[in-house]
Amino acid sequence: MKELMSQFDWKSKTILVTGGTGSFGRKFARIVLDELNPKKLIIFSRDELKQHDMRVDGYDDPRLRYFIGDVRDVDRLRRAFNGVDVVVHAAALKQVPACEYNPIEAIKTNVDGAKNIVDAAIDAGVSTVLALSTDKAVNPVNLYGATKLCAEKLFVQGNAYSGVDGTRFSCVRYGNVVGSRGSVVPLFEKQRETGVITVTDPRMTRFWITLDQGVHFVINCIERMEGGEVFIPRIPSMNIMDLAAAIAPGCKIETLGIRPGEKLHEVLISEDESRDALEFDALFLIQPSHPWWDRGYNHGGKPLLEGFKYSSDNNTEWLTQEALINLVGKGA
């Protein structure tokens, strides 16, 4: 991949993060304010209480702005994007059971919302948009994954609408976040008090990344992106039983059976996608596959072998129980 763009001057940038009161948004705000010192950082979300709670928790900085709004409302997005240089799109409905039970709501937020981000960014002249995706978007078996697959396609193809000199759209795709709201780690920590841990299937594996790693990966990709890429970090896997043993040692484990829309193993790069992917020391990069696409890519990197699949069960890097405990202890 090309060298880090040192000319990317964060101090002159106005940044907006959608879903800014979520786990990612809060960590992103702290790291960006502490390490990058932007001109302005806008927290865009629909929940006034969570924005109030952020202020109370110390997110009260003269560089911060709080905007109430919903990604379903394109007019509000256009107003919020006025004067913005960089948008990080983290807003989504992401709980699999909730998306299954409320499919239209999931589509309105995750798919229509992605379209609105693309339209508003182009109309407002935003230069850079990076959207967060998930391993569940690869060969999806649930509605959440399907909506995120659609969102990825919208952002990649959004470059066709913006043109060569317009807004640049790219995506990052990674696995489960250690300790994020709704993840299995807080669930196990709560169940630990009862002495009984529930797992769906003891064979299950997942990719794991910390919030801190996820935020720094997003920042790195913003500095490197040219538009149209899907960035995937090289991250470790862990078996669910090892995870349970690390979080709740000595507890009884009950097997519930795999849930509807759940996979035994997650995939970050499918075999078909690997034909357009490049390998680097710390990440993989999927390039746009369309023959009409020409933005002068200069990524470098090594093409993947035929038939390569980046799956949580065939990963070459595994997270040990000790390493996970260390991550959780640091607050992920």
C-alpha atoms as a PDB file:
ATOM      1  CA  MET A   1       0.000   0.000   0.000  1.00  0.00           C
ATOM      2  CA  LYS A   2       1.181   3.528  -0.616  1.00  0.00           C
ATOM      3  CA  GLU A   3       2.870   5.366   2.216  1.00  0.00           C
ATOM      4  CA  LEU A   4       0.747   7.104   4.827  1.00  0.00           C
ATOM      5  CA  MET A   5      -0.421  10.445   3.491  1.00  0.00           C
ATOM      6  CA  SER A   6       1.485  12.805   5.778  1.00  0.00           C
ATOM      7  CA  GLN A   7      -0.142  15.733   4.004  1.00  0.00           C
ATOM      8  CA  PHE A   8      -3.509  14.714   5.481  1.00  0.00           C
ATOM      9  CA  ASP A   9      -3.803  17.598   7.932  1.00  0.00           C
ATOM     10  CA  TRP A  10      -6.294  16.564  10.621  1.00  0.00           C
ATOM     11  CA  LYS A  11      -5.901  19.910  12.401  1.00  0.00           C
ATOM     12  CA  SER A  12      -7.645  21.676   9.537  1.00  0.00           C
ATOM     13  CA  LYS A  13     -10.481  19.128   9.222  1.00  0.00           C
ATOM     14  CA  THR A  14     -14.081  19.199  10.366  1.00  0.00           C
ATOM     15  CA  ILE A  15     -15.105  15.614  11.095  1.00  0.00           C
ATOM     16  CA  LEU A  16     -18.586  14.174  11.606  1.00  0.00           C
ATOM     17  CA  VAL A  17     -19.348  10.726  13.000  1.00  0.00           C
ATOM     18  CA  THR A  18     -22.841   9.278  12.656  1.00  0.00           C
ATOM     19  CA  GLY A  19     -23.963   7.111  15.547  1.00  0.00           C
ATOM     20  CA  GLY A  20     -21.484   9.156  17.528  1.00  0.00           C
ATOM     21  CA  THR A  21     -22.901   8.242  20.950  1.00  0.00           C
ATOM     22  CA  GLY A  22     -22.337   4.495  20.419  1.00  0.00           C
ATOM     23  CA  SER A  23     -19.371   2.470  21.637  1.00  0.00           C
ATOM     24  CA  PHE A  24     -17.319   3.209  18.523  1.00  0.00           C
ATOM     25  CA  GLY A  25     -18.340   6.868  18.349  1.00  0.00           C
ATOM     26  CA  ARG A  26     -17.317   7.609  21.933  1.00  0.00           C
ATOM     27  CA  LYS A  27     -13.930   5.926  21.559  1.00  0.00           C
ATOM     28  CA  PHE A  28     -13.440   7.612  18.164  1.00  0.00           C
ATOM     29  CA  ALA A  29     -14.186  11.023  19.687  1.00  0.00           C
ATOM     30  CA  ARG A  30     -11.720  10.526  22.535  1.00  0.00           C
ATOM     31  CA  ILE A  31      -8.871   9.350  20.307  1.00  0.00           C
ATOM     32  CA  VAL A  32      -9.448  11.970  17.604  1.00  0.00           C
ATOM     33  CA  LEU A  33      -9.584  14.826  20.105  1.00  0.00           C
ATOM     34  CA  ASP A  34      -6.543  13.613  22.066  1.00  0.00           C
ATOM     35  CA  GLU A  35      -4.307  12.528  19.178  1.00  0.00           C
ATOM     36  CA  LEU A  36      -5.360  14.413  16.039  1.00  0.00           C
ATOM     37  CA  ASN A  37      -6.640  17.765  17.352  1.00  0.00           C
ATOM     38  CA  PRO A  38      -9.178  18.442  14.565  1.00  0.00           C
ATOM     39  CA  LYS A  39     -10.710  21.814  13.866  1.00  0.00           C
ATOM     40  CA  LYS A  40     -14.144  20.451  14.828  1.00  0.00           C
ATOM     41  CA  LEU A  41     -15.747  17.087  15.626  1.00  0.00           C
ATOM     42  CA  ILE A  42     -19.500  16.674  15.212  1.00  0.00           C
ATOM     43  CA  ILE A  43     -21.388  13.947  17.067  1.00  0.00           C
ATOM     44  CA  PHE A  44     -24.460  13.093  14.986  1.00  0.00           C
ATOM     45  CA  SER A  45     -27.062  10.831  16.612  1.00  0.00           C
ATOM     46  CA  ARG A  46     -30.783  10.609  17.299  1.00  0.00           C
ATOM     47  CA  ASP A  47     -30.783  10.170  21.092  1.00  0.00           C
ATOM     48  CA  GLU A  48     -30.608  13.384  23.119  1.00  0.00           C
ATOM     49  CA  LEU A  49     -30.144  11.486  26.399  1.00  0.00           C
ATOM     50  CA  LYS A  50     -27.032   9.698  25.120  1.00  0.00           C
ATOM     51  CA  GLN A  51     -25.625  13.018  23.927  1.00  0.00           C
ATOM     52  CA  HIS A  52     -26.292  14.480  27.385  1.00  0.00           C
ATOM     53  CA  ASP A  53     -24.622  11.475  28.986  1.00  0.00           C
ATOM     54  CA  MET A  54     -21.552  11.967  26.766  1.00  0.00           C
ATOM     55  CA  ARG A  55     -21.192  15.533  27.992  1.00  0.00           C
ATOM     56  CA  VAL A  56     -21.580  14.417  31.608  1.00  0.00           C
ATOM     57  CA  ASP A  57     -18.945  11.728  31.037  1.00  0.00           C
ATOM     58  CA  GLY A  58     -16.393  14.362  30.049  1.00  0.00           C
ATOM     59  CA  TYR A  59     -17.003  14.776  26.350  1.00  0.00           C
ATOM     60  CA  ASP A  60     -17.401  18.527  26.749  1.00  0.00           C
ATOM     61  CA  ASP A  61     -14.749  20.072  24.540  1.00  0.00           C
ATOM     62  CA  PRO A  62     -14.812  23.362  22.608  1.00  0.00           C
ATOM     63  CA  ARG A  63     -14.007  21.387  19.447  1.00  0.00           C
ATOM     64  CA  LEU A  64     -17.112  19.196  19.904  1.00  0.00           C
ATOM     65  CA  ARG A  65     -20.583  19.819  18.477  1.00  0.00           C
ATOM     66  CA  TYR A  66     -23.682  17.704  19.104  1.00  0.00           C
ATOM     67  CA  PHE A  67     -26.277  17.362  16.336  1.00  0.00           C
ATOM     68  CA  ILE A  68     -29.603  15.625  16.885  1.00  0.00           C
ATOM     69  CA  GLY A  69     -30.589  13.810  13.706  1.00  0.00           C
ATOM     70  CA  ASP A  70     -31.332  10.491  12.059  1.00  0.00           C
ATOM     71  CA  VAL A  71     -29.607   9.010   9.014  1.00  0.00           C
ATOM     72  CA  ARG A  72     -33.104   8.309   7.684  1.00  0.00           C
ATOM     73  CA  ASP A  73     -33.578  12.088   7.283  1.00  0.00           C
ATOM     74  CA  VAL A  74     -31.557  13.217   4.264  1.00  0.00           C
ATOM     75  CA  ASP A  75     -32.441  16.891   4.754  1.00  0.00           C
ATOM     76  CA  ARG A  76     -31.006  16.875   8.260  1.00  0.00           C
ATOM     77  CA  LEU A  77     -27.890  15.130   6.959  1.00  0.00           C
ATOM     78  CA  ARG A  78     -27.415  17.817   4.310  1.00  0.00           C
ATOM     79  CA  ARG A  79     -27.601  20.501   6.992  1.00  0.00           C
ATOM     80  CA  ALA A  80     -25.240  18.598   9.296  1.00  0.00           C
ATOM     81  CA  PHE A  81     -22.719  17.959   6.487  1.00  0.00           C
ATOM     82  CA  ASN A  82     -22.379  21.636   5.640  1.00  0.00           C
ATOM     83  CA  GLY A  83     -18.691  22.510   5.923  1.00  0.00           C
ATOM     84  CA  VAL A  84     -17.689  18.941   6.854  1.00  0.00           C
ATOM     85  CA  ASP A  85     -14.518  17.426   5.384  1.00  0.00           C
ATOM     86  CA  VAL A  86     -14.629  13.839   6.710  1.00  0.00           C
ATOM     87  CA  VAL A  87     -17.638  11.655   7.580  1.00  0.00           C
ATOM     88  CA  VAL A  88     -17.310   8.386   9.496  1.00  0.00           C
ATOM     89  CA  HIS A  89     -20.564   6.465   9.179  1.00  0.00           C
ATOM     90  CA  ALA A  90     -21.040   4.270  12.251  1.00  0.00           C
ATOM     91  CA  ALA A  91     -24.813   4.542  12.744  1.00  0.00           C
ATOM     92  CA  ALA A  92     -26.717   1.264  12.274  1.00  0.00           C
ATOM     93  CA  LEU A  93     -29.251  -1.115  13.685  1.00  0.00           C
ATOM     94  CA  LYS A  94     -26.940  -4.019  14.472  1.00  0.00           C
ATOM     95  CA  GLN A  95     -28.661  -6.426  16.867  1.00  0.00           C
ATOM     96  CA  VAL A  96     -29.417  -9.521  14.781  1.00  0.00           C
ATOM     97  CA  PRO A  97     -32.660 -10.573  16.562  1.00  0.00           C
ATOM     98  CA  ALA A  98     -34.007  -7.004  16.517  1.00  0.00           C
ATOM     99  CA  CYS A  99     -33.296  -6.689  12.786  1.00  0.00           C
ATOM    100  CA  GLU A 100     -35.003 -10.035  12.118  1.00  0.00           C
ATOM    101  CA  TYR A 101     -38.119  -8.975  14.034  1.00  0.00           C
ATOM    102  CA  ASN A 102     -38.149  -5.418  12.624  1.00  0.00           C
ATOM    103  CA  PRO A 103     -36.901  -5.935   9.062  1.00  0.00           C
ATOM    104  CA  ILE A 104     -38.305  -2.772   7.531  1.00  0.00           C
ATOM    105  CA  GLU A 105     -36.782  -0.659  10.291  1.00  0.00           C
ATOM    106  CA  ALA A 106     -33.408  -2.306   9.683  1.00  0.00           C
ATOM    107  CA  ILE A 107     -33.651  -1.532   5.964  1.00  0.00           C
ATOM    108  CA  LYS A 108     -34.667   2.086   6.600  1.00  0.00           C
ATOM    109  CA  THR A 109     -31.650   2.707   8.816  1.00  0.00           C
ATOM    110  CA  ASN A 110     -28.954   0.492   7.324  1.00  0.00           C
ATOM    111  CA  VAL A 111     -29.806   0.671   3.603  1.00  0.00           C
ATOM    112  CA  ASP A 112     -31.850   3.847   3.101  1.00  0.00           C
ATOM    113  CA  GLY A 113     -29.592   5.554   5.633  1.00  0.00           C
ATOM    114  CA  ALA A 114     -26.519   4.596   3.599  1.00  0.00           C
ATOM    115  CA  LYS A 115     -28.116   6.029   0.455  1.00  0.00           C
ATOM    116  CA  ASN A 116     -28.867   9.242   2.339  1.00  0.00           C
ATOM    117  CA  ILE A 117     -25.253   9.513   3.497  1.00  0.00           C
ATOM    118  CA  VAL A 118     -24.046   9.159  -0.105  1.00  0.00           C
ATOM    119  CA  ASP A 119     -26.513  11.745  -1.450  1.00  0.00           C
ATOM    120  CA  ALA A 120     -25.934  14.262   1.332  1.00  0.00           C
ATOM    121  CA  ALA A 121     -22.149  13.952   1.189  1.00  0.00           C
ATOM    122  CA  ILE A 122     -22.063  14.573  -2.554  1.00  0.00           C
ATOM    123  CA  ASP A 123     -24.507  17.483  -2.293  1.00  0.00           C
ATOM    124  CA  ALA A 124     -22.565  19.105   0.567  1.00  0.00           C
ATOM    125  CA  GLY A 125     -19.159  18.601  -1.038  1.00  0.00           C
ATOM    126  CA  VAL A 126     -17.743  16.351   1.694  1.00  0.00           C
ATOM    127  CA  SER A 127     -14.338  15.120   0.518  1.00  0.00           C
ATOM    128  CA  THR A 128     -14.047  11.786   2.367  1.00  0.00           C
ATOM    129  CA  VAL A 129     -16.586   9.258   3.665  1.00  0.00           C
ATOM    130  CA  LEU A 130     -15.641   6.015   5.394  1.00  0.00           C
ATOM    131  CA  ALA A 131     -18.384   3.581   6.414  1.00  0.00           C
ATOM    132  CA  LEU A 132     -18.161   0.839   9.029  1.00  0.00           C
ATOM    133  CA  SER A 133     -19.225  -2.647   7.964  1.00  0.00           C
ATOM    134  CA  THR A 134     -19.077  -6.128   9.479  1.00  0.00           C
ATOM    135  CA  ASP A 135     -18.016  -9.688   8.778  1.00  0.00           C
ATOM    136  CA  LYS A 136     -21.724 -10.532   8.724  1.00  0.00           C
ATOM    137  CA  ALA A 137     -21.965  -8.742   5.356  1.00  0.00           C
ATOM    138  CA  VAL A 138     -20.008 -11.582   3.713  1.00  0.00           C
ATOM    139  CA  ASN A 139     -22.332 -14.333   2.432  1.00  0.00           C
ATOM    140  CA  PRO A 140     -25.057 -13.040   4.776  1.00  0.00           C
ATOM    141  CA  VAL A 141     -27.492 -15.427   6.446  1.00  0.00           C
ATOM    142  CA  ASN A 142     -29.414 -12.807   8.431  1.00  0.00           C
ATOM    143  CA  LEU A 143     -31.068  -9.512   7.593  1.00  0.00           C
ATOM    144  CA  TYR A 144     -28.504  -7.439   9.452  1.00  0.00           C
ATOM    145  CA  GLY A 145     -25.715  -8.904   7.320  1.00  0.00           C
ATOM    146  CA  ALA A 146     -27.788  -8.417   4.168  1.00  0.00           C
ATOM    147  CA  THR A 147     -28.404  -4.749   4.938  1.00  0.00           C
ATOM    148  CA  LYS A 148     -24.711  -4.168   5.595  1.00  0.00           C
ATOM    149  CA  LEU A 149     -23.839  -5.898   2.307  1.00  0.00           C
ATOM    150  CA  CYS A 150     -26.219  -3.511   0.538  1.00  0.00           C
ATOM    151  CA  ALA A 151     -24.678  -0.588   2.390  1.00  0.00           C
ATOM    152  CA  GLU A 152     -21.178  -1.632   1.309  1.00  0.00           C
ATOM    153  CA  LYS A 153     -22.303  -1.760  -2.316  1.00  0.00           C
ATOM    154  CA  LEU A 154     -23.906   1.675  -2.006  1.00  0.00           C
ATOM    155  CA  PHE A 155     -20.754   3.244  -0.625  1.00  0.00           C
ATOM    156  CA  VAL A 156     -18.410   1.598  -3.119  1.00  0.00           C
ATOM    157  CA  GLN A 157     -20.671   2.499  -6.027  1.00  0.00           C
ATOM    158  CA  GLY A 158     -21.241   5.974  -4.581  1.00  0.00           C
ATOM    159  CA  ASN A 159     -17.941   6.877  -6.226  1.00  0.00           C
ATOM    160  CA  ALA A 160     -19.634   6.463  -9.613  1.00  0.00           C
ATOM    161  CA  TYR A 161     -22.071   9.234  -8.643  1.00  0.00           C
ATOM    162  CA  SER A 162     -19.466  11.597  -7.209  1.00  0.00           C
ATOM    163  CA  GLY A 163     -17.070  11.364 -10.150  1.00  0.00           C
ATOM    164  CA  VAL A 164     -13.290  11.485 -10.267  1.00  0.00           C
ATOM    165  CA  ASP A 165     -12.918  14.778  -8.399  1.00  0.00           C
ATOM    166  CA  GLY A 166     -15.885  14.425  -6.057  1.00  0.00           C
ATOM    167  CA  THR A 167     -16.552  12.744  -2.729  1.00  0.00           C
ATOM    168  CA  ARG A 168     -14.541   9.592  -2.061  1.00  0.00           C
ATOM    169  CA  PHE A 169     -16.355   6.677  -0.440  1.00  0.00           C
ATOM    170  CA  SER A 170     -14.779   3.560   1.100  1.00  0.00           C
ATOM    171  CA  CYS A 171     -15.604   0.953   3.758  1.00  0.00           C
ATOM    172  CA  VAL A 172     -13.906  -0.854   6.600  1.00  0.00           C
ATOM    173  CA  ARG A 173     -15.058  -4.347   7.506  1.00  0.00           C
ATOM    174  CA  TYR A 174     -14.122  -6.082  10.743  1.00  0.00           C
ATOM    175  CA  GLY A 175     -15.370  -8.596  13.315  1.00  0.00           C
ATOM    176  CA  ASN A 176     -16.738  -8.533  16.846  1.00  0.00           C
ATOM    177  CA  VAL A 177     -15.598  -5.710  19.095  1.00  0.00           C
ATOM    178  CA  VAL A 178     -14.382  -6.733  22.545  1.00  0.00           C
ATOM    179  CA  GLY A 179     -16.593  -5.190  25.212  1.00  0.00           C
ATOM    180  CA  SER A 180     -18.882  -3.169  22.929  1.00  0.00           C
ATOM    181  CA  ARG A 181     -22.513  -2.747  23.905  1.00  0.00           C
ATOM    182  CA  GLY A 182     -24.527  -5.842  23.020  1.00  0.00           C
ATOM    183  CA  SER A 183     -21.469  -8.067  22.543  1.00  0.00           C
ATOM    184  CA  VAL A 184     -21.015 -11.430  24.220  1.00  0.00           C
ATOM    185  CA  VAL A 185     -18.284 -10.270  26.615  1.00  0.00           C
ATOM    186  CA  PRO A 186     -20.588  -8.034  28.729  1.00  0.00           C
ATOM    187  CA  LEU A 187     -23.200 -10.820  28.568  1.00  0.00           C
ATOM    188  CA  PHE A 188     -20.749 -13.377  29.952  1.00  0.00           C
ATOM    189  CA  GLU A 189     -19.645 -10.929  32.639  1.00  0.00           C
ATOM    190  CA  LYS A 190     -23.252 -10.542  33.755  1.00  0.00           C
ATOM    191  CA  GLN A 191     -23.995 -14.278  33.582  1.00  0.00           C
ATOM    192  CA  ARG A 192     -20.846 -14.957  35.589  1.00  0.00           C
ATOM    193  CA  GLU A 193     -22.659 -13.688  38.663  1.00  0.00           C
ATOM    194  CA  THR A 194     -25.153 -16.567  38.386  1.00  0.00           C
ATOM    195  CA  GLY A 195     -22.507 -19.233  37.858  1.00  0.00           C
ATOM    196  CA  VAL A 196     -24.023 -20.335  34.543  1.00  0.00           C
ATOM    197  CA  ILE A 197     -22.825 -19.270  31.061  1.00  0.00           C
ATOM    198  CA  THR A 198     -24.899 -19.889  27.923  1.00  0.00           C
ATOM    199  CA  VAL A 199     -23.338 -20.558  24.517  1.00  0.00           C
ATOM    200  CA  THR A 200     -25.142 -21.408  21.294  1.00  0.00           C
ATOM    201  CA  ASP A 201     -22.596 -23.888  19.902  1.00  0.00           C
ATOM    202  CA  PRO A 202     -19.211 -24.901  21.372  1.00  0.00           C
ATOM    203  CA  ARG A 203     -17.625 -25.103  17.891  1.00  0.00           C
ATOM    204  CA  MET A 204     -18.254 -21.425  17.164  1.00  0.00           C
ATOM    205  CA  THR A 205     -15.380 -19.085  16.302  1.00  0.00           C
ATOM    206  CA  ARG A 206     -15.313 -15.318  15.837  1.00  0.00           C
ATOM    207  CA  PHE A 207     -12.911 -12.567  14.816  1.00  0.00           C
ATOM    208  CA  TRP A 208     -12.080 -10.110  17.612  1.00  0.00           C
ATOM    209  CA  ILE A 209     -10.863  -6.508  17.634  1.00  0.00           C
ATOM    210  CA  THR A 210     -10.765  -3.866  20.373  1.00  0.00           C
ATOM    211  CA  LEU A 211     -12.432  -0.476  20.126  1.00  0.00           C
ATOM    212  CA  ASP A 212      -9.039   1.191  20.273  1.00  0.00           C
ATOM    213  CA  GLN A 213      -7.745  -0.964  17.408  1.00  0.00           C
ATOM    214  CA  GLY A 214     -10.903  -0.351  15.395  1.00  0.00           C
ATOM    215  CA  VAL A 215     -10.665   3.417  15.757  1.00  0.00           C
ATOM    216  CA  HIS A 216      -6.987   3.572  14.825  1.00  0.00           C
ATOM    217  CA  PHE A 217      -7.672   1.307  11.850  1.00  0.00           C
ATOM    218  CA  VAL A 218     -10.408   3.681  10.654  1.00  0.00           C
ATOM    219  CA  ILE A 219      -8.096   6.677  11.026  1.00  0.00           C
ATOM    220  CA  ASN A 220      -5.361   4.899   9.077  1.00  0.00           C
ATOM    221  CA  CYS A 221      -7.774   3.973   6.285  1.00  0.00           C
ATOM    222  CA  ILE A 222      -9.056   7.549   5.992  1.00  0.00           C
ATOM    223  CA  GLU A 223      -5.481   8.715   5.480  1.00  0.00           C
ATOM    224  CA  ARG A 224      -4.845   6.046   2.817  1.00  0.00           C
ATOM    225  CA  MET A 225      -8.132   5.636   0.928  1.00  0.00           C
ATOM    226  CA  GLU A 226      -8.582   6.623  -2.685  1.00  0.00           C
ATOM    227  CA  GLY A 227     -12.255   5.660  -2.947  1.00  0.00           C
ATOM    228  CA  GLY A 228     -13.933   2.333  -3.630  1.00  0.00           C
ATOM    229  CA  GLU A 229     -11.832   0.126  -1.333  1.00  0.00           C
ATOM    230  CA  VAL A 230     -13.035  -2.210   1.386  1.00  0.00           C
ATOM    231  CA  PHE A 231     -10.375  -2.390   4.102  1.00  0.00           C
ATOM    232  CA  ILE A 232     -10.103  -5.476   6.357  1.00  0.00           C
ATOM    233  CA  PRO A 233      -7.720  -5.626   9.330  1.00  0.00           C
ATOM    234  CA  ARG A 234      -5.712  -8.746  10.120  1.00  0.00           C
ATOM    235  CA  ILE A 235      -7.145  -9.674  13.508  1.00  0.00           C
ATOM    236  CA  PRO A 236      -7.180 -12.807  15.692  1.00  0.00           C
ATOM    237  CA  SER A 237      -9.916 -15.398  16.099  1.00  0.00           C
ATOM    238  CA  MET A 238     -11.143 -17.093  19.256  1.00  0.00           C
ATOM    239  CA  ASN A 239     -13.300 -20.119  20.003  1.00  0.00           C
ATOM    240  CA  ILE A 240     -16.413 -19.359  22.043  1.00  0.00           C
ATOM    241  CA  MET A 241     -15.488 -21.929  24.696  1.00  0.00           C
ATOM    242  CA  ASP A 242     -12.068 -20.324  25.221  1.00  0.00           C
ATOM    243  CA  LEU A 243     -13.814 -16.971  25.464  1.00  0.00           C
ATOM    244  CA  ALA A 244     -16.220 -18.293  28.098  1.00  0.00           C
ATOM    245  CA  ALA A 245     -13.366 -19.845  30.078  1.00  0.00           C
ATOM    246  CA  ALA A 246     -11.443 -16.569  30.016  1.00  0.00           C
ATOM    247  CA  ILE A 247     -14.350 -14.363  31.110  1.00  0.00           C
ATOM    248  CA  ALA A 248     -16.090 -16.768  33.495  1.00  0.00           C
ATOM    249  CA  PRO A 249     -13.678 -19.472  34.659  1.00  0.00           C
ATOM    250  CA  GLY A 250     -15.266 -22.285  36.629  1.00  0.00           C
ATOM    251  CA  CYS A 251     -18.822 -21.472  35.576  1.00  0.00           C
ATOM    252  CA  LYS A 252     -21.205 -24.109  34.270  1.00  0.00           C
ATOM    253  CA  ILE A 253     -21.777 -23.868  30.520  1.00  0.00           C
ATOM    254  CA  GLU A 254     -25.183 -24.538  28.964  1.00  0.00           C
ATOM    255  CA  THR A 255     -25.513 -25.101  25.210  1.00  0.00           C
ATOM    256  CA  LEU A 256     -28.601 -23.484  23.701  1.00  0.00           C
ATOM    257  CA  GLY A 257     -28.210 -24.463  20.048  1.00  0.00           C
ATOM    258  CA  ILE A 258     -27.355 -22.188  17.147  1.00  0.00           C
ATOM    259  CA  ARG A 259     -29.842 -19.348  16.664  1.00  0.00           C
ATOM    260  CA  PRO A 260     -31.645 -18.419  13.439  1.00  0.00           C
ATOM    261  CA  GLY A 261     -29.405 -16.233  11.294  1.00  0.00           C
ATOM    262  CA  GLU A 262     -26.233 -17.247  13.126  1.00  0.00           C
ATOM    263  CA  LYS A 263     -23.103 -18.822  11.609  1.00  0.00           C
ATOM    264  CA  LEU A 264     -20.660 -21.235  13.176  1.00  0.00           C
ATOM    265  CA  HIS A 265     -17.773 -19.246  11.683  1.00  0.00           C
ATOM    266  CA  GLU A 266     -17.610 -15.731  10.255  1.00  0.00           C
ATOM    267  CA  VAL A 267     -15.870 -14.700   7.032  1.00  0.00           C
ATOM    268  CA  LEU A 268     -14.146 -11.381   6.361  1.00  0.00           C
ATOM    269  CA  ILE A 269     -13.111 -12.136   2.761  1.00  0.00           C
ATOM    270  CA  SER A 270     -14.952 -14.650   0.599  1.00  0.00           C
ATOM    271  CA  GLU A 271     -13.280 -16.765  -2.081  1.00  0.00           C
ATOM    272  CA  ASP A 272     -14.904 -14.687  -4.814  1.00  0.00           C
ATOM    273  CA  GLU A 273     -13.775 -11.404  -3.250  1.00  0.00           C
ATOM    274  CA  SER A 274     -10.207 -12.656  -2.848  1.00  0.00           C
ATOM    275  CA  ARG A 275      -9.651 -12.338  -6.610  1.00  0.00           C
ATOM    276  CA  ASP A 276      -9.766  -8.561  -6.207  1.00  0.00           C
ATOM    277  CA  ALA A 277      -8.008  -8.434  -2.825  1.00  0.00           C
ATOM    278  CA  LEU A 278      -4.459  -7.472  -1.885  1.00  0.00           C
ATOM    279  CA  GLU A 279      -2.503  -8.601   1.158  1.00  0.00           C
ATOM    280  CA  PHE A 280      -0.428  -6.341   3.411  1.00  0.00           C
ATOM    281  CA  ASP A 281       1.309  -6.862   6.728  1.00  0.00           C
ATOM    282  CA  ALA A 282      -1.544  -5.473   8.835  1.00  0.00           C
ATOM    283  CA  LEU A 283      -4.556  -5.594   6.531  1.00  0.00           C
ATOM    284  CA  PHE A 284      -6.269  -6.838   3.399  1.00  0.00           C
ATOM    285  CA  LEU A 285      -7.778  -4.538   0.788  1.00  0.00           C
ATOM    286  CA  ILE A 286     -10.550  -5.388  -1.673  1.00  0.00           C
ATOM    287  CA  GLN A 287     -10.375  -3.226  -4.777  1.00  0.00           C
ATOM    288  CA  PRO A 288     -13.368  -2.370  -6.982  1.00  0.00           C
ATOM    289  CA  SER A 289     -13.828  -5.121  -9.554  1.00  0.00           C
ATOM    290  CA  HIS A 290     -15.588  -3.174 -12.300  1.00  0.00           C
ATOM    291  CA  PRO A 291     -13.656  -2.821 -15.574  1.00  0.00           C
ATOM    292  CA  TRP A 292     -14.837   0.770 -16.057  1.00  0.00           C
ATOM    293  CA  TRP A 293     -13.291   1.796 -12.732  1.00  0.00           C
ATOM    294  CA  ASP A 294     -10.159   3.861 -13.090  1.00  0.00           C
ATOM    295  CA  ARG A 295      -8.869   6.049 -10.301  1.00  0.00           C
ATOM    296  CA  GLY A 296      -5.203   5.357 -10.692  1.00  0.00           C
ATOM    297  CA  TYR A 297      -4.871   2.949  -7.795  1.00  0.00           C
ATOM    298  CA  ASN A 298      -1.341   2.624  -6.488  1.00  0.00           C
ATOM    299  CA  HIS A 299      -1.837   0.320  -3.557  1.00  0.00           C
ATOM    300  CA  GLY A 300       0.901  -2.215  -4.091  1.00  0.00           C
ATOM    301  CA  GLY A 301       0.429  -5.270  -1.953  1.00  0.00           C
ATOM    302  CA  LYS A 302       0.439  -8.950  -2.790  1.00  0.00           C
ATOM    303  CA  PRO A 303      -2.429 -10.658  -4.647  1.00  0.00           C
ATOM    304  CA  LEU A 304      -4.061 -13.500  -2.736  1.00  0.00           C
ATOM    305  CA  LEU A 305      -3.785 -17.114  -3.791  1.00  0.00           C
ATOM    306  CA  GLU A 306      -6.642 -18.633  -5.783  1.00  0.00           C
ATOM    307  CA  GLY A 307      -9.352 -19.939  -3.467  1.00  0.00           C
ATOM    308  CA  PHE A 308      -8.208 -17.925  -0.447  1.00  0.00           C
ATOM    309  CA  LYS A 309     -10.887 -17.287   2.192  1.00  0.00           C
ATOM    310  CA  TYR A 310     -10.339 -15.266   5.343  1.00  0.00           C
ATOM    311  CA  SER A 311     -12.509 -17.119   7.841  1.00  0.00           C
ATOM    312  CA  SER A 312     -12.519 -17.137  11.645  1.00  0.00           C
ATOM    313  CA  ASP A 313     -11.879 -20.894  11.679  1.00  0.00           C
ATOM    314  CA  ASN A 314      -8.936 -20.911   9.230  1.00  0.00           C
ATOM    315  CA  ASN A 315      -7.212 -17.870  10.689  1.00  0.00           C
ATOM    316  CA  THR A 316      -3.471 -18.085  11.320  1.00  0.00           C
ATOM    317  CA  GLU A 317      -3.700 -15.836  14.390  1.00  0.00           C
ATOM    318  CA  TRP A 318      -5.589 -16.843  17.540  1.00  0.00           C
ATOM    319  CA  LEU A 319      -6.369 -14.860  20.656  1.00  0.00           C
ATOM    320  CA  THR A 320      -5.272 -16.580  23.867  1.00  0.00           C
ATOM    321  CA  GLN A 321      -7.303 -16.481  27.067  1.00  0.00           C
ATOM    322  CA  GLU A 322      -4.570 -14.427  28.723  1.00  0.00           C
ATOM    323  CA  ALA A 323      -4.535 -11.908  25.868  1.00  0.00           C
ATOM    324  CA  LEU A 324      -8.319 -11.524  25.987  1.00  0.00           C
ATOM    325  CA  ILE A 325      -8.307 -10.979  29.759  1.00  0.00           C
ATOM    326  CA  ASN A 326      -5.651  -8.317  29.274  1.00  0.00           C
ATOM    327  CA  LEU A 327      -7.748  -6.557  26.630  1.00  0.00           C
ATOM    328  CA  VAL A 328     -10.910  -6.653  28.720  1.00  0.00           C
ATOM    329  CA  GLY A 329      -8.976  -5.412  31.751  1.00  0.00           C
ATOM    330  CA  LYS A 330      -7.820  -2.395  29.776  1.00  0.00           C
ATOM    331  CA  GLY A 331     -11.421  -1.561  28.900  1.00  0.00           C
ATOM    332  CA  ALA A 332     -10.928  -2.772  25.316  1.00  0.00           C
END
